[in-house]
Amino acid sequence: MSGSVPQPAEPGVPSSAEPAEPAEPVAPVSHLDRTGAYLGPTGAAAVAVAARATPARWRLLLRRATFWVGAGILLFWVVCAIFGHLLAPYDPLAQNLLAANTPPSGAHWFGTDPLGRDVLSRVITGARDILIITPLATSSAPSWAPPSAWPWATSAAPSTP
């Protein structure tokens, strides 16, 4: 019977010739953990049961309301980046000096800037630039950061009292 783990016999109880069949088939499990340490038969069985009982991580993620809120916000900004010029209520570059610095209202939900441009239109159309620049800046930051900014860098010089 390959794949099953032999159960140790309890003292005083006669062991049967064939161990009981598990409820579900168990994939063959190595008796070594990730670091190469020996788990023993009980540890290997525990790893097999835990691997079978644990749902996939994405299923756990899909159960969280905060994931769906975050996904909705991200989807909103991606839609704004793709279709921003169609969704913006005003031209983001058009100036109206008579409406400079107006507070939020029904006509301008986010108000206007000092040149009278609609702030909501500028935010919506600016999403494209933000969604392009942010991943590039985040991925390139470790390549140009000085070694003193690396979290794993430590000072070799002893401190003086």
N, C-alpha and C. Protein backbone atom coordinates (compact mmCIF):
# COMPACT_ATOMS: atom_id res chain seq x y z
N MET A 1 0.85 -1.17 0.00
CA MET A 1 0.00 0.00 0.00
C MET A 1 0.89 1.23 0.00
N SER A 2 1.16 1.79 -1.18
CA SER A 2 2.02 2.95 -1.27
C SER A 2 1.23 4.21 -0.98
N GLY A 3 1.85 5.16 -0.33
CA GLY A 3 1.19 6.42 -0.05
C GLY A 3 0.62 6.52 1.34
N SER A 4 0.40 5.41 2.03
CA SER A 4 -0.13 5.50 3.39
C SER A 4 1.03 5.44 4.37
N VAL A 5 0.82 5.99 5.51
CA VAL A 5 1.85 6.05 6.53
C VAL A 5 1.52 5.02 7.59
N PRO A 6 2.48 4.14 7.93
CA PRO A 6 2.17 3.13 8.95
C PRO A 6 1.94 3.78 10.29
N GLN A 7 0.92 3.31 10.99
CA GLN A 7 0.58 3.83 12.30
C GLN A 7 1.33 3.02 13.36
N PRO A 8 1.90 3.68 14.36
CA PRO A 8 2.60 2.94 15.41
C PRO A 8 1.58 2.17 16.26
N ALA A 9 1.99 1.00 16.68
CA ALA A 9 1.11 0.17 17.50
C ALA A 9 1.11 0.69 18.93
N GLU A 10 -0.07 0.70 19.54
CA GLU A 10 -0.17 1.12 20.93
C GLU A 10 0.23 -0.05 21.82
N PRO A 11 0.83 0.20 22.97
CA PRO A 11 1.21 -0.90 23.85
C PRO A 11 -0.02 -1.64 24.36
N GLY A 12 0.02 -2.96 24.32
CA GLY A 12 -1.07 -3.77 24.83
C GLY A 12 -2.17 -4.02 23.83
N VAL A 13 -2.14 -3.39 22.66
CA VAL A 13 -3.18 -3.60 21.65
C VAL A 13 -2.53 -4.33 20.48
N PRO A 14 -3.07 -5.48 20.11
CA PRO A 14 -2.46 -6.20 18.98
C PRO A 14 -2.67 -5.42 17.69
N SER A 15 -1.62 -5.31 16.89
CA SER A 15 -1.73 -4.57 15.62
C SER A 15 -2.29 -5.50 14.55
N SER A 16 -3.07 -4.96 13.66
CA SER A 16 -3.63 -5.75 12.58
C SER A 16 -2.58 -5.90 11.49
N ALA A 17 -2.76 -6.87 10.65
CA ALA A 17 -1.79 -7.13 9.58
C ALA A 17 -1.83 -6.02 8.54
N GLU A 18 -2.98 -5.47 8.25
CA GLU A 18 -3.13 -4.42 7.24
C GLU A 18 -3.70 -3.18 7.91
N PRO A 19 -3.01 -2.01 7.80
CA PRO A 19 -3.56 -0.80 8.42
C PRO A 19 -4.84 -0.35 7.71
N ALA A 20 -5.65 0.42 8.42
CA ALA A 20 -6.92 0.88 7.88
C ALA A 20 -6.67 1.81 6.69
N GLU A 21 -7.56 1.75 5.71
CA GLU A 21 -7.46 2.58 4.51
C GLU A 21 -7.92 4.00 4.86
N PRO A 22 -7.18 5.05 4.44
CA PRO A 22 -7.62 6.42 4.73
C PRO A 22 -8.92 6.75 3.99
N ALA A 23 -9.65 7.73 4.52
CA ALA A 23 -10.94 8.10 3.94
C ALA A 23 -10.75 8.64 2.52
N GLU A 24 -9.70 9.43 2.28
CA GLU A 24 -9.42 9.96 0.96
C GLU A 24 -8.02 9.52 0.57
N PRO A 25 -7.78 9.32 -0.71
CA PRO A 25 -6.42 8.93 -1.11
C PRO A 25 -5.44 10.04 -0.79
N VAL A 26 -4.29 9.66 -0.29
CA VAL A 26 -3.26 10.60 0.12
C VAL A 26 -2.10 10.48 -0.84
N ALA A 27 -1.62 11.59 -1.35
CA ALA A 27 -0.47 11.58 -2.24
C ALA A 27 0.76 11.16 -1.45
N PRO A 28 1.70 10.49 -2.09
CA PRO A 28 2.91 10.12 -1.38
C PRO A 28 3.60 11.34 -0.80
N VAL A 29 4.00 11.25 0.45
CA VAL A 29 4.59 12.37 1.15
C VAL A 29 6.02 12.03 1.52
N SER A 30 6.91 12.96 1.29
CA SER A 30 8.29 12.77 1.70
C SER A 30 8.37 12.93 3.21
N HIS A 31 9.30 12.26 3.83
CA HIS A 31 9.48 12.37 5.27
C HIS A 31 10.42 13.52 5.61
N LEU A 32 10.68 14.41 4.64
CA LEU A 32 11.54 15.57 4.87
C LEU A 32 10.72 16.83 4.70
N ASP A 33 10.99 17.82 5.54
CA ASP A 33 10.30 19.10 5.37
C ASP A 33 11.08 19.96 4.38
N ARG A 34 10.69 21.24 4.25
CA ARG A 34 11.32 22.12 3.28
C ARG A 34 12.80 22.32 3.55
N THR A 35 13.21 22.26 4.79
CA THR A 35 14.62 22.48 5.12
C THR A 35 15.43 21.20 5.06
N GLY A 36 14.79 20.08 4.83
CA GLY A 36 15.49 18.81 4.74
C GLY A 36 15.52 18.06 6.04
N ALA A 37 14.87 18.56 7.09
CA ALA A 37 14.84 17.89 8.38
C ALA A 37 13.88 16.71 8.32
N TYR A 38 14.18 15.65 9.05
CA TYR A 38 13.36 14.46 9.08
C TYR A 38 12.10 14.70 9.91
N LEU A 39 10.95 14.41 9.32
CA LEU A 39 9.68 14.63 10.00
C LEU A 39 9.21 13.41 10.78
N GLY A 40 9.55 12.23 10.33
CA GLY A 40 9.04 11.03 10.95
C GLY A 40 7.69 10.68 10.36
N PRO A 41 7.18 9.50 10.65
CA PRO A 41 5.90 9.10 10.04
C PRO A 41 4.73 9.95 10.51
N THR A 42 4.70 10.36 11.75
CA THR A 42 3.60 11.18 12.25
C THR A 42 3.63 12.57 11.63
N GLY A 43 4.81 13.16 11.52
CA GLY A 43 4.93 14.48 10.91
C GLY A 43 4.57 14.48 9.45
N ALA A 44 4.97 13.43 8.73
CA ALA A 44 4.63 13.33 7.31
C ALA A 44 3.13 13.20 7.13
N ALA A 45 2.48 12.44 8.01
CA ALA A 45 1.02 12.29 7.93
C ALA A 45 0.34 13.62 8.23
N ALA A 46 0.86 14.38 9.18
CA ALA A 46 0.28 15.69 9.51
C ALA A 46 0.42 16.65 8.34
N VAL A 47 1.55 16.62 7.65
CA VAL A 47 1.75 17.48 6.48
C VAL A 47 0.78 17.09 5.38
N ALA A 48 0.57 15.79 5.17
CA ALA A 48 -0.35 15.33 4.13
C ALA A 48 -1.77 15.77 4.44
N VAL A 49 -2.18 15.66 5.69
CA VAL A 49 -3.54 16.06 6.08
C VAL A 49 -3.70 17.57 5.95
N ALA A 50 -2.69 18.33 6.37
CA ALA A 50 -2.78 19.79 6.28
C ALA A 50 -2.82 20.25 4.84
N ALA A 51 -2.04 19.60 3.97
CA ALA A 51 -2.04 19.99 2.57
C ALA A 51 -3.38 19.68 1.92
N ARG A 52 -4.02 18.61 2.33
CA ARG A 52 -5.30 18.24 1.76
C ARG A 52 -6.42 19.12 2.31
N ALA A 53 -6.33 19.54 3.57
CA ALA A 53 -7.41 20.27 4.22
C ALA A 53 -7.36 21.77 3.96
N THR A 54 -6.21 22.31 3.59
CA THR A 54 -6.08 23.75 3.41
C THR A 54 -6.60 24.16 2.05
N PRO A 55 -7.58 25.09 1.98
CA PRO A 55 -8.04 25.56 0.67
C PRO A 55 -6.97 26.43 0.02
N ALA A 56 -7.09 26.60 -1.26
CA ALA A 56 -6.13 27.43 -1.98
C ALA A 56 -6.17 28.86 -1.45
N ARG A 57 -5.03 29.52 -1.52
CA ARG A 57 -4.95 30.87 -0.97
C ARG A 57 -5.88 31.84 -1.68
N TRP A 58 -6.07 31.67 -2.96
CA TRP A 58 -6.95 32.60 -3.66
C TRP A 58 -8.39 32.44 -3.21
N ARG A 59 -8.77 31.25 -2.79
CA ARG A 59 -10.13 31.09 -2.27
C ARG A 59 -10.30 31.83 -0.96
N LEU A 60 -9.27 31.81 -0.14
CA LEU A 60 -9.33 32.59 1.10
C LEU A 60 -9.41 34.08 0.79
N LEU A 61 -8.68 34.51 -0.23
CA LEU A 61 -8.69 35.92 -0.61
C LEU A 61 -10.06 36.34 -1.12
N LEU A 62 -10.70 35.49 -1.89
CA LEU A 62 -12.01 35.84 -2.46
C LEU A 62 -13.11 35.93 -1.40
N ARG A 63 -12.86 35.40 -0.22
CA ARG A 63 -13.86 35.48 0.86
C ARG A 63 -13.80 36.80 1.62
N ARG A 64 -12.77 37.57 1.42
CA ARG A 64 -12.57 38.81 2.19
C ARG A 64 -13.29 39.97 1.51
N ALA A 65 -14.06 40.71 2.29
CA ALA A 65 -14.75 41.89 1.75
C ALA A 65 -13.75 42.98 1.39
N THR A 66 -12.67 43.08 2.15
CA THR A 66 -11.68 44.12 1.85
C THR A 66 -11.01 43.88 0.50
N PHE A 67 -10.87 42.62 0.11
CA PHE A 67 -10.32 42.33 -1.22
C PHE A 67 -11.24 42.88 -2.30
N TRP A 68 -12.53 42.66 -2.14
CA TRP A 68 -13.48 43.11 -3.16
C TRP A 68 -13.57 44.63 -3.21
N VAL A 69 -13.45 45.29 -2.06
CA VAL A 69 -13.45 46.75 -2.06
C VAL A 69 -12.21 47.26 -2.79
N GLY A 70 -11.06 46.69 -2.46
CA GLY A 70 -9.82 47.10 -3.12
C GLY A 70 -9.84 46.81 -4.61
N ALA A 71 -10.38 45.64 -4.99
CA ALA A 71 -10.47 45.29 -6.41
C ALA A 71 -11.40 46.25 -7.14
N GLY A 72 -12.48 46.67 -6.49
CA GLY A 72 -13.39 47.64 -7.10
C GLY A 72 -12.73 48.99 -7.32
N ILE A 73 -11.96 49.44 -6.34
CA ILE A 73 -11.25 50.71 -6.49
C ILE A 73 -10.23 50.63 -7.61
N LEU A 74 -9.48 49.53 -7.64
CA LEU A 74 -8.49 49.36 -8.70
C LEU A 74 -9.16 49.29 -10.07
N LEU A 75 -10.27 48.59 -10.17
CA LEU A 75 -11.00 48.50 -11.43
C LEU A 75 -11.50 49.88 -11.86
N PHE A 76 -11.98 50.67 -10.90
CA PHE A 76 -12.43 52.02 -11.22
C PHE A 76 -11.30 52.84 -11.84
N TRP A 77 -10.10 52.76 -11.25
CA TRP A 77 -8.98 53.56 -11.77
C TRP A 77 -8.48 53.02 -13.11
N VAL A 78 -8.56 51.73 -13.31
CA VAL A 78 -8.16 51.19 -14.62
C VAL A 78 -9.14 51.64 -15.69
N VAL A 79 -10.43 51.62 -15.38
CA VAL A 79 -11.43 52.11 -16.33
C VAL A 79 -11.22 53.60 -16.60
N CYS A 80 -10.90 54.36 -15.56
CA CYS A 80 -10.62 55.79 -15.76
C CYS A 80 -9.38 55.99 -16.63
N ALA A 81 -8.38 55.14 -16.46
CA ALA A 81 -7.17 55.27 -17.26
C ALA A 81 -7.44 54.95 -18.73
N ILE A 82 -8.29 53.96 -18.98
CA ILE A 82 -8.55 53.56 -20.36
C ILE A 82 -9.56 54.49 -21.03
N PHE A 83 -10.64 54.81 -20.34
CA PHE A 83 -11.73 55.59 -20.93
C PHE A 83 -11.86 56.97 -20.30
N GLY A 84 -10.79 57.50 -19.72
CA GLY A 84 -10.86 58.78 -19.01
C GLY A 84 -11.33 59.94 -19.85
N HIS A 85 -10.87 59.99 -21.09
CA HIS A 85 -11.28 61.12 -21.94
C HIS A 85 -12.77 61.08 -22.27
N LEU A 86 -13.38 59.89 -22.18
CA LEU A 86 -14.83 59.78 -22.42
C LEU A 86 -15.64 60.02 -21.16
N LEU A 87 -15.06 59.74 -19.99
CA LEU A 87 -15.80 59.86 -18.73
C LEU A 87 -15.73 61.26 -18.11
N ALA A 88 -14.69 62.01 -18.45
CA ALA A 88 -14.50 63.32 -17.83
C ALA A 88 -15.62 64.27 -18.24
N PRO A 89 -16.24 64.94 -17.27
CA PRO A 89 -17.36 65.83 -17.60
C PRO A 89 -16.94 67.09 -18.35
N TYR A 90 -15.70 67.55 -18.16
CA TYR A 90 -15.19 68.75 -18.83
C TYR A 90 -13.84 68.44 -19.46
N ASP A 91 -13.39 69.33 -20.33
CA ASP A 91 -12.05 69.23 -20.88
C ASP A 91 -11.06 69.54 -19.75
N PRO A 92 -10.13 68.63 -19.45
CA PRO A 92 -9.23 68.86 -18.30
C PRO A 92 -8.25 70.00 -18.51
N LEU A 93 -8.06 70.45 -19.74
CA LEU A 93 -7.11 71.54 -20.02
C LEU A 93 -7.78 72.88 -20.27
N ALA A 94 -9.12 72.89 -20.40
CA ALA A 94 -9.84 74.13 -20.69
C ALA A 94 -9.86 75.03 -19.45
N GLN A 95 -9.49 76.29 -19.65
CA GLN A 95 -9.45 77.25 -18.54
C GLN A 95 -10.69 78.12 -18.56
N ASN A 96 -11.17 78.43 -17.36
CA ASN A 96 -12.30 79.35 -17.19
C ASN A 96 -11.95 80.22 -15.99
N LEU A 97 -11.30 81.34 -16.25
CA LEU A 97 -10.81 82.19 -15.17
C LEU A 97 -11.93 82.79 -14.32
N LEU A 98 -13.15 82.83 -14.84
CA LEU A 98 -14.26 83.33 -14.05
C LEU A 98 -14.71 82.32 -13.00
N ALA A 99 -14.34 81.06 -13.18
CA ALA A 99 -14.72 80.01 -12.22
C ALA A 99 -13.50 79.53 -11.45
N ALA A 100 -12.51 80.39 -11.26
CA ALA A 100 -11.28 79.99 -10.57
C ALA A 100 -11.55 79.75 -9.08
N ASN A 101 -10.98 78.67 -8.57
CA ASN A 101 -11.05 78.32 -7.15
C ASN A 101 -12.47 78.22 -6.60
N THR A 102 -13.39 77.71 -7.38
CA THR A 102 -14.74 77.53 -6.86
C THR A 102 -14.79 76.26 -6.02
N PRO A 103 -15.57 76.25 -4.95
CA PRO A 103 -15.65 75.04 -4.11
C PRO A 103 -16.45 73.96 -4.82
N PRO A 104 -16.42 72.74 -4.30
CA PRO A 104 -17.21 71.67 -4.91
C PRO A 104 -18.69 72.04 -4.98
N SER A 105 -19.30 71.69 -6.11
CA SER A 105 -20.72 72.00 -6.33
C SER A 105 -21.29 70.94 -7.27
N GLY A 106 -22.54 71.10 -7.64
CA GLY A 106 -23.16 70.16 -8.57
C GLY A 106 -22.53 70.23 -9.95
N ALA A 107 -22.03 71.39 -10.34
CA ALA A 107 -21.40 71.53 -11.65
C ALA A 107 -19.98 70.99 -11.65
N HIS A 108 -19.24 71.23 -10.55
CA HIS A 108 -17.85 70.78 -10.43
C HIS A 108 -17.73 70.01 -9.11
N TRP A 109 -17.80 68.69 -9.17
CA TRP A 109 -17.86 67.87 -7.96
C TRP A 109 -16.64 68.02 -7.07
N PHE A 110 -15.46 68.21 -7.65
CA PHE A 110 -14.24 68.41 -6.87
C PHE A 110 -13.82 69.87 -6.84
N GLY A 111 -14.62 70.76 -7.41
CA GLY A 111 -14.27 72.17 -7.47
C GLY A 111 -13.38 72.46 -8.68
N THR A 112 -12.79 73.66 -8.68
CA THR A 112 -11.89 74.05 -9.76
C THR A 112 -10.57 74.53 -9.17
N ASP A 113 -9.54 74.53 -10.00
CA ASP A 113 -8.22 74.98 -9.57
C ASP A 113 -8.07 76.48 -9.83
N PRO A 114 -6.91 77.08 -9.55
CA PRO A 114 -6.74 78.53 -9.73
C PRO A 114 -6.92 79.02 -11.17
N LEU A 115 -6.83 78.13 -12.14
CA LEU A 115 -7.05 78.54 -13.53
C LEU A 115 -8.46 78.22 -14.01
N GLY A 116 -9.32 77.73 -13.11
CA GLY A 116 -10.70 77.45 -13.45
C GLY A 116 -10.91 76.10 -14.12
N ARG A 117 -9.91 75.23 -14.10
CA ARG A 117 -10.05 73.90 -14.70
C ARG A 117 -10.76 72.97 -13.72
N ASP A 118 -11.60 72.08 -14.24
CA ASP A 118 -12.35 71.14 -13.41
C ASP A 118 -11.40 70.10 -12.83
N VAL A 119 -11.36 69.99 -11.50
CA VAL A 119 -10.43 69.10 -10.83
C VAL A 119 -10.82 67.64 -11.05
N LEU A 120 -12.10 67.31 -11.04
CA LEU A 120 -12.53 65.93 -11.27
C LEU A 120 -12.08 65.45 -12.64
N SER A 121 -12.23 66.27 -13.65
CA SER A 121 -11.79 65.89 -15.00
C SER A 121 -10.29 65.68 -15.05
N ARG A 122 -9.56 66.49 -14.32
CA ARG A 122 -8.10 66.34 -14.31
C ARG A 122 -7.67 65.08 -13.56
N VAL A 123 -8.39 64.72 -12.50
CA VAL A 123 -8.07 63.49 -11.75
C VAL A 123 -8.38 62.26 -12.60
N ILE A 124 -9.51 62.25 -13.27
CA ILE A 124 -9.90 61.10 -14.09
C ILE A 124 -8.92 60.90 -15.24
N THR A 125 -8.59 61.96 -15.95
CA THR A 125 -7.68 61.80 -17.08
C THR A 125 -6.24 61.60 -16.63
N GLY A 126 -5.90 62.01 -15.42
CA GLY A 126 -4.55 61.79 -14.91
C GLY A 126 -4.31 60.38 -14.42
N ALA A 127 -5.34 59.58 -14.33
CA ALA A 127 -5.19 58.19 -13.86
C ALA A 127 -4.31 57.39 -14.80
N ARG A 128 -4.35 57.67 -16.08
CA ARG A 128 -3.52 56.94 -17.03
C ARG A 128 -2.04 57.11 -16.72
N ASP A 129 -1.63 58.34 -16.50
CA ASP A 129 -0.22 58.59 -16.19
C ASP A 129 0.18 57.94 -14.87
N ILE A 130 -0.68 58.03 -13.89
CA ILE A 130 -0.38 57.44 -12.58
C ILE A 130 -0.24 55.92 -12.67
N LEU A 131 -1.15 55.26 -13.38
CA LEU A 131 -1.08 53.81 -13.48
C LEU A 131 0.07 53.32 -14.35
N ILE A 132 0.67 54.19 -15.13
CA ILE A 132 1.87 53.82 -15.89
C ILE A 132 3.12 54.10 -15.08
N ILE A 133 3.18 55.25 -14.44
CA ILE A 133 4.39 55.66 -13.73
C ILE A 133 4.60 54.88 -12.43
N THR A 134 3.54 54.62 -11.68
CA THR A 134 3.67 53.98 -10.37
C THR A 134 4.35 52.61 -10.43
N PRO A 135 3.92 51.68 -11.29
CA PRO A 135 4.64 50.39 -11.34
C PRO A 135 6.08 50.54 -11.82
N LEU A 136 6.33 51.46 -12.74
CA LEU A 136 7.71 51.66 -13.22
C LEU A 136 8.60 52.19 -12.11
N ALA A 137 8.10 53.15 -11.35
CA ALA A 137 8.89 53.72 -10.26
C ALA A 137 9.10 52.71 -9.14
N THR A 138 8.09 51.93 -8.85
CA THR A 138 8.20 50.93 -7.79
C THR A 138 9.20 49.84 -8.16
N SER A 139 9.16 49.39 -9.40
CA SER A 139 10.06 48.30 -9.80
C SER A 139 11.48 48.78 -10.02
N SER A 140 11.67 50.05 -10.36
CA SER A 140 13.03 50.54 -10.60
C SER A 140 13.69 51.11 -9.36
N ALA A 141 12.96 51.34 -8.29
CA ALA A 141 13.53 51.96 -7.10
C ALA A 141 14.70 51.18 -6.51
N PRO A 142 14.65 49.86 -6.38
CA PRO A 142 15.80 49.16 -5.81
C PRO A 142 17.06 49.27 -6.66
N SER A 143 16.93 49.53 -7.95
CA SER A 143 18.11 49.57 -8.80
C SER A 143 18.91 50.86 -8.64
N TRP A 144 18.30 51.94 -8.20
CA TRP A 144 19.04 53.19 -8.07
C TRP A 144 19.16 53.68 -6.64
N ALA A 145 18.58 52.97 -5.69
CA ALA A 145 18.67 53.39 -4.29
C ALA A 145 20.10 53.18 -3.78
N PRO A 146 20.62 54.10 -2.99
CA PRO A 146 21.97 53.93 -2.45
C PRO A 146 22.00 52.77 -1.45
N PRO A 147 23.14 52.11 -1.32
CA PRO A 147 23.22 50.96 -0.40
C PRO A 147 22.85 51.30 1.04
N SER A 148 23.00 52.55 1.45
CA SER A 148 22.64 52.91 2.81
C SER A 148 21.13 52.84 3.04
N ALA A 149 20.34 52.87 1.98
CA ALA A 149 18.89 52.80 2.11
C ALA A 149 18.37 51.37 2.11
N TRP A 150 19.24 50.40 1.83
CA TRP A 150 18.80 49.02 1.81
C TRP A 150 18.52 48.56 3.23
N PRO A 151 17.39 47.91 3.46
CA PRO A 151 17.05 47.52 4.84
C PRO A 151 18.00 46.47 5.41
N TRP A 152 18.66 45.69 4.57
CA TRP A 152 19.55 44.65 5.08
C TRP A 152 20.97 45.15 5.27
N ALA A 153 21.26 46.40 4.86
CA ALA A 153 22.61 46.95 5.04
C ALA A 153 22.77 47.39 6.49
N THR A 154 23.88 47.03 7.07
CA THR A 154 24.16 47.42 8.45
C THR A 154 25.46 48.19 8.48
N SER A 155 25.60 49.02 9.44
CA SER A 155 26.81 49.81 9.59
C SER A 155 27.89 48.94 10.20
N ALA A 156 29.08 48.94 9.56
CA ALA A 156 30.20 48.14 10.05
C ALA A 156 30.97 48.89 11.11
N ALA A 157 30.85 50.21 11.15
CA ALA A 157 31.61 51.00 12.12
C ALA A 157 30.94 50.94 13.48
N PRO A 158 31.73 50.68 14.53
CA PRO A 158 31.13 50.66 15.87
C PRO A 158 30.78 52.07 16.32
N SER A 159 29.77 52.17 17.13
CA SER A 159 29.36 53.48 17.64
C SER A 159 30.29 53.88 18.77
N THR A 160 30.58 55.17 18.84
CA THR A 160 31.44 55.69 19.90
C THR A 160 30.59 56.31 20.99
N PRO A 161 31.01 56.09 22.24
CA PRO A 161 30.20 56.64 23.35
C PRO A 161 30.35 58.13 23.50
